[in-house]
Protein backbone atom coordinates (compact mmCIF):
# COMPACT_ATOMS: atom_id res chain seq x y z
CA MET A 1 -66.07 304.53 -34.11
CA LEU A 2 -62.42 303.40 -34.07
CA PRO A 3 -60.86 301.54 -37.36
CA THR A 4 -59.40 298.17 -37.49
CA PHE A 5 -57.05 297.47 -34.93
CA HIS A 6 -53.76 298.78 -36.34
CA ASN A 7 -50.83 296.81 -35.06
CA VAL A 8 -48.04 298.15 -36.57
CA THR A 9 -44.61 296.29 -37.55
CA VAL A 10 -41.51 297.78 -38.19
CA ARG A 11 -39.95 295.67 -41.68
CA SER A 12 -36.33 296.08 -42.08
CA ASN A 13 -34.42 296.94 -45.41
CA ASN A 14 -35.35 293.81 -47.25
CA GLY A 15 -38.57 294.05 -46.51
CA ARG A 16 -39.34 291.69 -44.00
CA PRO A 17 -41.29 292.25 -40.41
CA THR A 18 -39.63 292.82 -37.45
CA ALA A 19 -40.69 293.30 -33.92
CA PRO A 20 -44.00 295.23 -33.53
CA LEU A 21 -43.17 299.23 -33.23
CA ARG A 22 -42.94 300.14 -29.69
CA PHE A 23 -45.20 303.62 -28.69
CA GLY A 24 -44.00 305.77 -25.50
CA LEU A 25 -45.32 308.52 -23.92
CA LEU A 26 -44.18 312.49 -23.63
CA THR A 27 -45.71 312.30 -19.74
CA PRO A 28 -47.50 315.29 -19.47
CA ILE A 29 -47.54 317.41 -16.34
CA VAL A 30 -43.71 316.69 -15.16
CA GLN A 31 -42.77 318.57 -18.78
CA ARG A 32 -44.31 322.07 -20.29
CA ILE A 33 -42.81 322.55 -23.17
CA ARG A 34 -44.63 324.87 -25.49
CA HIS A 35 -44.14 322.75 -29.07
CA LEU A 36 -45.88 320.04 -26.79
CA ALA A 37 -49.14 321.79 -26.58
CA PRO A 38 -49.45 321.61 -22.70
CA ALA A 39 -52.88 322.41 -21.33
CA ASP A 40 -54.59 324.94 -18.85
CA TRP A 41 -55.12 321.79 -16.15
CA GLU A 42 -51.26 320.58 -16.24
CA GLU A 43 -50.10 323.60 -14.19
CA ARG A 44 -52.44 323.28 -11.82
CA ALA A 45 -52.54 319.08 -11.86
CA GLY A 46 -49.92 317.14 -9.27
CA PRO A 47 -48.82 314.00 -8.23
CA ALA A 48 -51.90 312.36 -8.08
CA GLU A 49 -53.29 313.34 -11.93
CA LEU A 50 -49.49 311.92 -12.82
CA VAL A 51 -49.65 308.23 -11.08
CA ASP A 52 -53.32 308.39 -12.73
CA LEU A 53 -52.06 308.37 -16.25
CA ALA A 54 -48.74 306.93 -15.70
CA GLY A 55 -50.29 304.27 -14.09
CA THR A 56 -53.14 304.03 -17.35
CA ALA A 57 -50.34 303.94 -19.51
CA ASP A 58 -48.49 301.04 -18.05
CA ALA A 59 -51.67 298.90 -18.09
CA LEU A 60 -52.51 300.04 -21.17
CA GLY A 61 -49.05 298.76 -23.10
CA PHE A 62 -47.19 301.77 -23.30
CA ASP A 63 -43.56 301.59 -23.50
CA TYR A 64 -41.89 304.13 -21.80
CA LEU A 65 -42.35 307.26 -19.74
CA THR A 66 -40.42 310.26 -20.42
CA ALA A 67 -38.71 313.27 -18.60
CA PHE A 68 -36.24 316.09 -19.89
CA GLU A 69 -33.66 317.74 -17.67
CA HIS A 70 -33.70 321.64 -17.00
CA VAL A 71 -31.64 322.96 -14.00
CA ALA A 72 -33.07 326.52 -14.34
CA ILE A 73 -34.85 328.09 -17.25
CA PRO A 74 -33.68 331.80 -17.98
CA GLU A 75 -36.35 333.82 -18.37
CA PRO A 76 -36.19 335.50 -22.25
CA GLU A 77 -36.09 331.38 -23.25
CA LEU A 78 -39.60 330.65 -21.22
CA ALA A 79 -41.66 331.68 -24.33
CA ARG A 80 -39.54 328.83 -26.51
CA ARG A 81 -38.73 326.20 -24.03
CA GLY A 82 -41.45 326.19 -21.48
CA PRO A 83 -41.43 326.82 -17.78
CA CYS A 84 -41.70 323.44 -15.85
CA PHE A 85 -39.32 320.70 -16.15
CA TRP A 86 -39.95 318.25 -13.11
CA ASP A 87 -36.22 316.69 -11.70
CA PRO A 88 -36.07 313.47 -13.70
CA LEU A 89 -34.11 311.47 -11.20
CA ALA A 90 -36.57 312.19 -8.36
CA THR A 91 -39.96 311.94 -10.96
CA LEU A 92 -38.85 308.49 -12.43
CA SER A 93 -37.90 307.05 -9.67
CA PHE A 94 -41.49 308.06 -7.88
CA LEU A 95 -43.13 307.04 -11.33
CA ALA A 96 -41.12 303.39 -10.76
CA ALA A 97 -42.79 302.42 -7.39
CA ARG A 98 -46.36 303.34 -9.02
CA THR A 99 -46.10 301.09 -12.14
CA ARG A 100 -44.81 297.48 -13.18
CA ARG A 101 -44.22 296.97 -16.27
CA ILE A 102 -43.25 300.42 -18.17
CA ARG A 103 -39.61 301.82 -18.99
CA LEU A 104 -38.55 304.57 -17.23
CA ALA A 105 -36.59 306.96 -19.93
CA THR A 106 -34.16 310.08 -19.26
CA GLN A 107 -34.94 312.14 -22.79
CA VAL A 108 -32.51 313.84 -21.79
CA ILE A 109 -30.28 314.23 -19.07
CA VAL A 110 -27.59 316.66 -20.06
CA LEU A 111 -24.58 314.95 -19.68
CA GLY A 112 -22.03 318.12 -19.27
CA TYR A 113 -23.92 318.64 -15.74
CA HIS A 114 -22.80 315.22 -14.39
CA HIS A 115 -19.79 313.46 -13.52
CA PRO A 116 -20.11 309.58 -14.72
CA LEU A 117 -20.24 308.05 -11.31
CA GLU A 118 -22.52 310.24 -10.12
CA VAL A 119 -25.37 308.97 -13.16
CA ALA A 120 -24.03 305.73 -11.78
CA LYS A 121 -24.56 305.73 -8.43
CA ARG A 122 -27.96 308.10 -9.06
CA PHE A 123 -29.30 306.36 -12.47
CA GLY A 124 -28.06 302.50 -11.16
CA THR A 125 -30.19 303.11 -8.32
CA LEU A 126 -33.34 304.08 -10.48
CA ASP A 127 -32.35 300.94 -12.41
CA LEU A 128 -32.64 298.71 -9.15
CA LEU A 129 -35.38 299.84 -7.77
CA SER A 130 -37.48 299.78 -11.00
CA GLY A 131 -36.58 296.13 -11.54
CA GLY A 132 -34.14 297.24 -14.63
CA ARG A 133 -36.58 299.50 -16.32
CA LEU A 134 -34.18 302.31 -16.78
CA VAL A 135 -33.37 303.77 -20.29
CA LEU A 136 -30.57 306.23 -20.21
CA GLY A 137 -31.64 308.99 -22.63
CA VAL A 138 -28.81 311.42 -22.51
CA GLY A 139 -27.85 314.76 -24.78
CA VAL A 140 -24.82 317.62 -25.06
CA GLY A 141 -27.23 320.46 -23.85
CA SER A 142 -28.16 323.42 -26.04
CA LEU A 143 -28.61 326.29 -23.25
CA ALA A 144 -25.85 328.29 -22.84
CA ALA A 145 -27.07 330.10 -20.14
CA GLU A 146 -27.87 327.21 -17.90
CA PHE A 147 -24.56 325.68 -18.65
CA ALA A 148 -22.77 328.97 -17.04
CA LEU A 149 -25.22 329.00 -13.85
CA LEU A 150 -23.78 325.78 -13.22
CA GLY A 151 -20.19 326.39 -13.54
CA HIS A 152 -19.79 323.70 -16.61
CA ASP A 153 -18.33 324.48 -20.08
CA PHE A 154 -20.54 324.92 -22.70
CA ALA A 155 -18.17 325.02 -26.01
CA GLY A 156 -16.81 321.98 -25.52
CA ARG A 157 -19.73 319.70 -24.39
CA GLY A 158 -19.56 317.55 -27.49
CA ALA A 159 -16.00 316.26 -26.75
CA ARG A 160 -17.11 316.09 -23.16
CA ALA A 161 -20.29 313.99 -23.64
CA ASP A 162 -18.82 311.35 -26.07
CA GLU A 163 -16.07 310.50 -23.26
CA MET A 164 -19.36 310.41 -21.19
CA ILE A 165 -20.42 308.21 -22.69
CA GLU A 166 -17.86 305.93 -22.87
CA ALA A 167 -17.02 306.19 -19.37
CA LEU A 168 -20.68 305.27 -18.15
CA ARG A 169 -20.61 302.04 -20.51
CA THR A 170 -17.55 300.84 -17.95
CA CYS A 171 -19.46 302.14 -13.98
CA LEU A 172 -23.07 301.87 -15.02
CA SER A 173 -22.91 298.24 -14.54
CA THR A 174 -20.14 297.39 -12.11
CA PRO A 175 -19.29 298.82 -8.62
CA ARG A 176 -15.88 299.18 -9.66
CA ALA A 177 -14.95 300.58 -12.81
CA THR A 178 -11.50 302.05 -14.38
CA PHE A 179 -11.32 304.97 -16.43
CA HIS A 180 -9.10 307.20 -18.00
CA GLY A 181 -9.85 309.78 -20.49
CA ARG A 182 -9.00 313.05 -20.94
CA PHE A 183 -12.11 315.13 -19.22
CA TYR A 184 -12.96 312.08 -16.92
CA SER A 185 -9.90 309.42 -14.62
CA PHE A 186 -11.44 307.34 -12.10
CA GLU A 187 -9.61 303.93 -10.70
CA GLY A 188 -9.89 302.26 -7.19
CA TRP A 189 -13.12 303.43 -6.46
CA HIS A 190 -16.34 301.67 -5.22
CA VAL A 191 -20.09 302.70 -6.20
CA GLU A 192 -22.84 300.81 -4.46
CA PRO A 193 -25.74 300.40 -5.85
CA VAL A 194 -25.48 300.44 -10.08
CA ALA A 195 -27.80 298.95 -12.45
CA VAL A 196 -29.04 295.89 -12.44
CA GLN A 197 -29.64 295.69 -16.24
CA GLU A 198 -26.08 294.21 -17.59
CA ARG A 199 -26.15 296.79 -20.41
CA VAL A 200 -28.02 299.56 -19.91
CA PRO A 201 -29.99 301.28 -23.18
CA ILE A 202 -28.21 304.33 -23.87
CA TRP A 203 -30.05 306.31 -25.84
CA VAL A 204 -28.55 309.26 -27.31
CA GLY A 205 -30.69 312.95 -28.59
CA GLY A 206 -30.01 315.91 -30.46
CA GLN A 207 -30.69 317.54 -33.70
CA SER A 208 -27.37 317.41 -35.34
CA ARG A 209 -25.65 314.68 -37.73
CA ARG A 210 -23.05 314.88 -34.90
CA SER A 211 -25.82 313.78 -32.68
CA LEU A 212 -26.63 310.96 -34.92
CA ARG A 213 -22.99 309.89 -35.71
CA ARG A 214 -22.81 309.86 -31.53
CA ALA A 215 -25.68 307.15 -31.16
CA CYS A 216 -24.54 304.93 -34.01
CA GLU A 217 -20.75 304.59 -32.67
CA LEU A 218 -21.43 305.15 -28.47
CA GLY A 219 -25.22 304.53 -28.11
CA ASP A 220 -28.00 301.72 -28.56
CA GLY A 221 -30.83 304.35 -29.57
CA TRP A 222 -31.45 308.00 -31.57
CA VAL A 223 -34.22 310.61 -30.41
CA PRO A 224 -34.10 313.21 -32.26
CA PHE A 225 -36.36 316.29 -31.99
CA GLN A 226 -37.29 319.42 -33.57
CA LEU A 227 -35.88 317.93 -36.91
CA ASP A 228 -38.87 317.82 -39.77
CA LEU A 229 -39.27 315.10 -42.15
CA ALA A 230 -37.52 316.03 -44.58
CA ASP A 231 -34.27 316.42 -42.28
CA LEU A 232 -35.18 313.15 -40.72
CA ARG A 233 -35.40 311.09 -44.08
CA ALA A 234 -31.82 312.81 -45.17
CA MET A 235 -29.87 311.87 -42.32
CA LEU A 236 -31.40 308.61 -41.88
CA ARG A 237 -30.79 307.73 -45.61
CA ASP A 238 -27.10 309.03 -45.41
CA ALA A 239 -26.24 307.02 -41.95
CA ARG A 240 -27.21 303.53 -43.68
CA PRO A 241 -23.99 302.74 -44.11
CA ARG A 242 -22.80 303.38 -40.43
CA LEU A 243 -25.60 301.74 -39.36
CA ALA A 244 -24.70 298.81 -41.64
CA ASP A 245 -21.84 298.18 -39.70
CA ARG A 246 -23.48 298.09 -36.27
CA PRO A 247 -23.80 294.84 -34.61
CA VAL A 248 -27.08 295.53 -32.98
CA PRO A 249 -29.49 297.70 -34.48
CA LEU A 250 -29.78 301.15 -33.59
CA GLU A 251 -33.30 302.14 -32.03
CA VAL A 252 -34.77 305.23 -33.73
CA VAL A 253 -37.47 306.65 -31.21
CA LEU A 254 -39.24 309.25 -33.47
CA ARG A 255 -41.69 312.02 -31.64
CA VAL A 256 -44.70 312.50 -33.62
CA PRO A 257 -44.81 315.73 -35.60
CA GLU A 258 -48.31 317.30 -33.49
CA PRO A 259 -50.18 316.08 -30.67
CA LEU A 260 -52.90 313.66 -31.89
CA ASP A 261 -56.39 312.95 -31.32
CA PRO A 262 -57.31 309.58 -31.02
CA LEU A 263 -60.55 310.06 -30.05
CA GLY A 264 -61.59 312.38 -33.10
CA ALA A 265 -59.36 312.09 -35.60
CA PRO A 266 -57.97 308.40 -35.50
CA HIS A 267 -57.17 308.45 -39.30
CA ARG A 268 -54.94 311.00 -38.55
CA CYS A 269 -53.43 309.66 -36.15
CA THR A 270 -52.45 306.39 -37.90
CA ALA A 271 -51.44 308.24 -40.26
CA ALA A 272 -48.44 309.67 -38.56
CA VAL A 273 -47.26 307.42 -37.19
CA ASP A 274 -47.30 305.30 -40.92
CA GLN A 275 -44.69 307.95 -41.43
CA LEU A 276 -42.49 307.48 -38.82
CA ARG A 277 -42.36 303.94 -39.24
CA ASP A 278 -41.71 304.32 -42.77
CA LEU A 279 -38.64 306.63 -41.69
CA GLY A 280 -37.35 304.07 -39.91
CA ALA A 281 -38.71 304.59 -36.23
CA THR A 282 -38.26 301.63 -33.79
CA ALA A 283 -40.55 303.61 -31.45
CA VAL A 284 -42.82 306.35 -31.80
CA SER A 285 -43.11 308.56 -28.78
CA VAL A 286 -46.56 310.39 -28.88
CA TYR A 287 -48.93 313.07 -26.91
CA PHE A 288 -52.08 313.73 -27.59
CA ARG A 289 -54.75 316.87 -27.70
CA HIS A 290 -56.58 317.20 -24.14
CA THR A 291 -58.76 319.16 -22.24
CA SER A 292 -58.80 317.55 -18.72
CA PRO A 293 -57.16 314.71 -17.17
CA ALA A 294 -60.38 312.22 -17.75
CA HIS A 295 -59.83 313.59 -21.50
CA TYR A 296 -56.17 312.40 -21.46
CA ARG A 297 -56.97 309.24 -19.96
CA ASP A 298 -59.78 308.77 -22.49
CA GLN A 299 -57.10 309.46 -25.52
CA LEU A 300 -54.74 306.80 -23.79
CA HIS A 301 -57.38 304.22 -23.87
CA ALA A 302 -58.53 305.20 -27.27
CA PHE A 303 -54.58 305.23 -28.35
CA ALA A 304 -54.03 301.73 -27.13
CA GLN A 305 -57.09 300.09 -28.94
CA LEU A 306 -55.92 301.93 -32.14
CA PHE A 307 -52.81 300.32 -32.71
CA ALA A 308 -53.62 297.43 -30.18
CA LEU A 309 -51.35 297.76 -27.86
CA PRO A 310 -49.92 293.89 -26.02
CA THR A 311 -51.41 295.06 -22.63
CA GLY A 312 -50.08 292.33 -19.99
CA PRO A 313 -52.01 290.54 -17.25
CA ALA A 314 -54.01 292.83 -15.31
CA GLU A 315 -51.45 292.45 -12.10
CA GLU A 316 -48.47 293.35 -13.66
CA SER A 317 -49.80 297.26 -13.20
CA VAL A 318 -50.83 299.01 -10.42
CA ASP A 319 -54.41 298.46 -8.63
CA ALA A 320 -56.32 301.98 -9.46
CA ALA A 321 -56.97 301.79 -5.84
CA ASP A 322 -53.52 301.63 -4.67
CA ARG A 323 -52.76 304.59 -6.40
């Protein structure tokens, strides 16, 4: 039997309750990353299973779906990174047509692989098609071999990423943009369509203190990965003065440290979320232990019940028959 609903509330530094904690899904099937414990069935799964699980998450009140970006993985890296990454733009565009409310988050696109106007056109189109549900997760990239394969500079990727975010602020939501920087310069070009959101949320991913500084100074959220709780705690503590200087609070999007089992171990599930909430998370990315699509669907339902996710009217999600 599940315990009492665990409607988690984020608290500010003065202890007053703020917005409820939101939960996003590290989408199965489309990203078979080793440390996310993919199941054997995911290798055989395809669009039908993906649509079913994404639609279920949408109907149950999960806040966002994710998709990672890698073009190609060198064979020596397969054991560490995993073999499969569906293209984030194609995947999220497909899911945009099969869902109603859930946001669509890249986690992350590698900034050094793209030009700002290219991102504005491609992901602006996704924002239009989805009715303003894009969350643009960005990162500097960490795979030097992939940079070399694609003909991009790895050594200068940090400075280039900073300028890229600045350039994106000028062109994501307007067809006529002007920007002049060290790496990117454009004026007198028309790009249409662009995003329908007046300000597309930009979440900065990374493992370093620099990524957190980049998020504080240029982004709307921070999405750390592969950091233990002690490192997260220290980095967020040290960043408090910078966070306090922001006019708008920074989204802190933390990932659960291990796959959750809300059906079999609900108390461990709530304890893991409580740890991240206490660190300052405003949103938590989750993934589950599972043995089949049906088991995964049951885990989604159990998690939504455990945390009393804010489901909306049934008509807001695509009916199962339409999937």
